[in-house]
Amino acid sequence: MDQRAHLPVIAVGERSALEGLPLAGVALRAAETPDEARETWQSISQMDAIVILTPASAAAIGAHPERETSGPMTVVLPG
């Protein structure tokens, strides 16, 4: 079985864009500003997790999931 099935799922970004995700068991880390997004990313960037980013949060941290080979599995929501 794929070990990622047991990883925590964390969403980072504007609360208004992510408000329904906790209903599916996703941990919400609200980040309303670029500085908050970078600070939150620093706290989770070395975790074994699946991270969902809003486009604004991805831009703030410079995330390019298609190029990443280390760190958490990351996906950016469509804008």
C-alpha atoms as a PDB file:
ATOM      1  CA  MET A   1       0.000   0.000   0.000  1.00  0.00           C
ATOM      2  CA  ASP A   2       1.202   3.505  -0.813  1.00  0.00           C
ATOM      3  CA  GLN A   3       2.461   5.167   2.378  1.00  0.00           C
ATOM      4  CA  ARG A   4       1.160   8.545   1.191  1.00  0.00           C
ATOM      5  CA  ALA A   5      -2.358   7.298   1.912  1.00  0.00           C
ATOM      6  CA  HIS A   6      -1.553   7.785   5.601  1.00  0.00           C
ATOM      7  CA  LEU A   7       0.119  11.186   5.366  1.00  0.00           C
ATOM      8  CA  PRO A   8      -1.567  14.252   6.829  1.00  0.00           C
ATOM      9  CA  VAL A   9      -3.160  16.576   4.295  1.00  0.00           C
ATOM     10  CA  ILE A  10      -2.588  20.272   4.984  1.00  0.00           C
ATOM     11  CA  ALA A  11      -4.089  23.214   3.085  1.00  0.00           C
ATOM     12  CA  VAL A  12      -2.294  26.569   3.129  1.00  0.00           C
ATOM     13  CA  GLY A  13      -3.830  29.792   1.914  1.00  0.00           C
ATOM     14  CA  GLU A  14      -6.687  32.198   2.186  1.00  0.00           C
ATOM     15  CA  ARG A  15      -9.370  30.861   4.523  1.00  0.00           C
ATOM     16  CA  SER A  16     -12.156  31.836   2.094  1.00  0.00           C
ATOM     17  CA  ALA A  17     -10.646  29.634  -0.638  1.00  0.00           C
ATOM     18  CA  LEU A  18     -10.164  26.622   1.628  1.00  0.00           C
ATOM     19  CA  GLU A  19     -13.077  26.771   4.060  1.00  0.00           C
ATOM     20  CA  GLY A  20     -14.747  23.530   2.913  1.00  0.00           C
ATOM     21  CA  LEU A  21     -11.641  21.336   3.055  1.00  0.00           C
ATOM     22  CA  PRO A  22     -11.694  20.659   6.830  1.00  0.00           C
ATOM     23  CA  LEU A  23     -14.988  18.819   6.270  1.00  0.00           C
ATOM     24  CA  ALA A  24     -12.916  16.242   4.361  1.00  0.00           C
ATOM     25  CA  GLY A  25     -10.325  15.947   7.132  1.00  0.00           C
ATOM     26  CA  VAL A  26      -7.828  18.443   5.701  1.00  0.00           C
ATOM     27  CA  ALA A  27      -5.923  20.531   8.259  1.00  0.00           C
ATOM     28  CA  LEU A  28      -6.316  24.211   7.408  1.00  0.00           C
ATOM     29  CA  ARG A  29      -3.403  26.597   7.917  1.00  0.00           C
ATOM     30  CA  ALA A  30      -4.820  30.020   7.089  1.00  0.00           C
ATOM     31  CA  ALA A  31      -2.351  32.367   5.422  1.00  0.00           C
ATOM     32  CA  GLU A  32      -3.948  35.635   4.368  1.00  0.00           C
ATOM     33  CA  THR A  33      -0.697  37.401   3.417  1.00  0.00           C
ATOM     34  CA  PRO A  34       2.461  36.375   1.552  1.00  0.00           C
ATOM     35  CA  ASP A  35       4.446  36.628   4.805  1.00  0.00           C
ATOM     36  CA  GLU A  36       2.021  34.295   6.573  1.00  0.00           C
ATOM     37  CA  ALA A  37       2.240  31.833   3.660  1.00  0.00           C
ATOM     38  CA  ARG A  38       6.053  31.822   3.820  1.00  0.00           C
ATOM     39  CA  GLU A  39       6.029  31.403   7.605  1.00  0.00           C
ATOM     40  CA  THR A  40       3.573  28.514   7.392  1.00  0.00           C
ATOM     41  CA  TRP A  41       5.579  26.868   4.603  1.00  0.00           C
ATOM     42  CA  GLN A  42       8.733  27.068   6.725  1.00  0.00           C
ATOM     43  CA  SER A  43       6.950  25.169   9.487  1.00  0.00           C
ATOM     44  CA  ILE A  44       5.758  22.340   7.208  1.00  0.00           C
ATOM     45  CA  SER A  45       8.297  22.203   4.366  1.00  0.00           C
ATOM     46  CA  GLN A  46      10.194  19.287   5.899  1.00  0.00           C
ATOM     47  CA  MET A  47       7.142  17.286   6.953  1.00  0.00           C
ATOM     48  CA  ASP A  48       5.987  14.079   5.343  1.00  0.00           C
ATOM     49  CA  ALA A  49       2.642  15.431   4.191  1.00  0.00           C
ATOM     50  CA  ILE A  50       0.444  16.268   1.271  1.00  0.00           C
ATOM     51  CA  VAL A  51       0.114  20.046   0.973  1.00  0.00           C
ATOM     52  CA  ILE A  52      -2.603  21.894  -0.935  1.00  0.00           C
ATOM     53  CA  LEU A  53      -1.735  25.499  -1.788  1.00  0.00           C
ATOM     54  CA  THR A  54      -3.881  28.317  -3.098  1.00  0.00           C
ATOM     55  CA  PRO A  55      -2.367  30.118  -6.101  1.00  0.00           C
ATOM     56  CA  ALA A  56      -1.497  33.131  -3.924  1.00  0.00           C
ATOM     57  CA  SER A  57       0.296  30.987  -1.354  1.00  0.00           C
ATOM     58  CA  ALA A  58       2.166  29.097  -4.065  1.00  0.00           C
ATOM     59  CA  ALA A  59       3.313  32.397  -5.571  1.00  0.00           C
ATOM     60  CA  ALA A  60       4.417  33.693  -2.164  1.00  0.00           C
ATOM     61  CA  ILE A  61       6.611  30.682  -1.465  1.00  0.00           C
ATOM     62  CA  GLY A  62       7.747  30.174  -5.043  1.00  0.00           C
ATOM     63  CA  ALA A  63       6.286  26.671  -5.215  1.00  0.00           C
ATOM     64  CA  HIS A  64       6.561  24.745  -8.469  1.00  0.00           C
ATOM     65  CA  PRO A  65       5.263  21.257  -7.608  1.00  0.00           C
ATOM     66  CA  GLU A  66       6.004  19.934 -11.059  1.00  0.00           C
ATOM     67  CA  ARG A  67       9.716  20.620 -10.478  1.00  0.00           C
ATOM     68  CA  GLU A  68      10.032  19.554  -6.838  1.00  0.00           C
ATOM     69  CA  THR A  69      11.887  16.362  -6.005  1.00  0.00           C
ATOM     70  CA  SER A  70      12.014  16.749  -2.227  1.00  0.00           C
ATOM     71  CA  GLY A  71       9.789  17.992   0.545  1.00  0.00           C
ATOM     72  CA  PRO A  72       6.089  17.360   0.917  1.00  0.00           C
ATOM     73  CA  MET A  73       3.913  16.274  -1.990  1.00  0.00           C
ATOM     74  CA  THR A  74       2.419  19.579  -3.112  1.00  0.00           C
ATOM     75  CA  VAL A  75      -0.475  20.555  -5.335  1.00  0.00           C
ATOM     76  CA  VAL A  76      -1.637  24.043  -6.295  1.00  0.00           C
ATOM     77  CA  LEU A  77      -5.350  24.673  -6.678  1.00  0.00           C
ATOM     78  CA  PRO A  78      -6.394  26.134 -10.010  1.00  0.00           C
ATOM     79  CA  GLY A  79      -6.764  29.903 -10.066  1.00  0.00           C
END
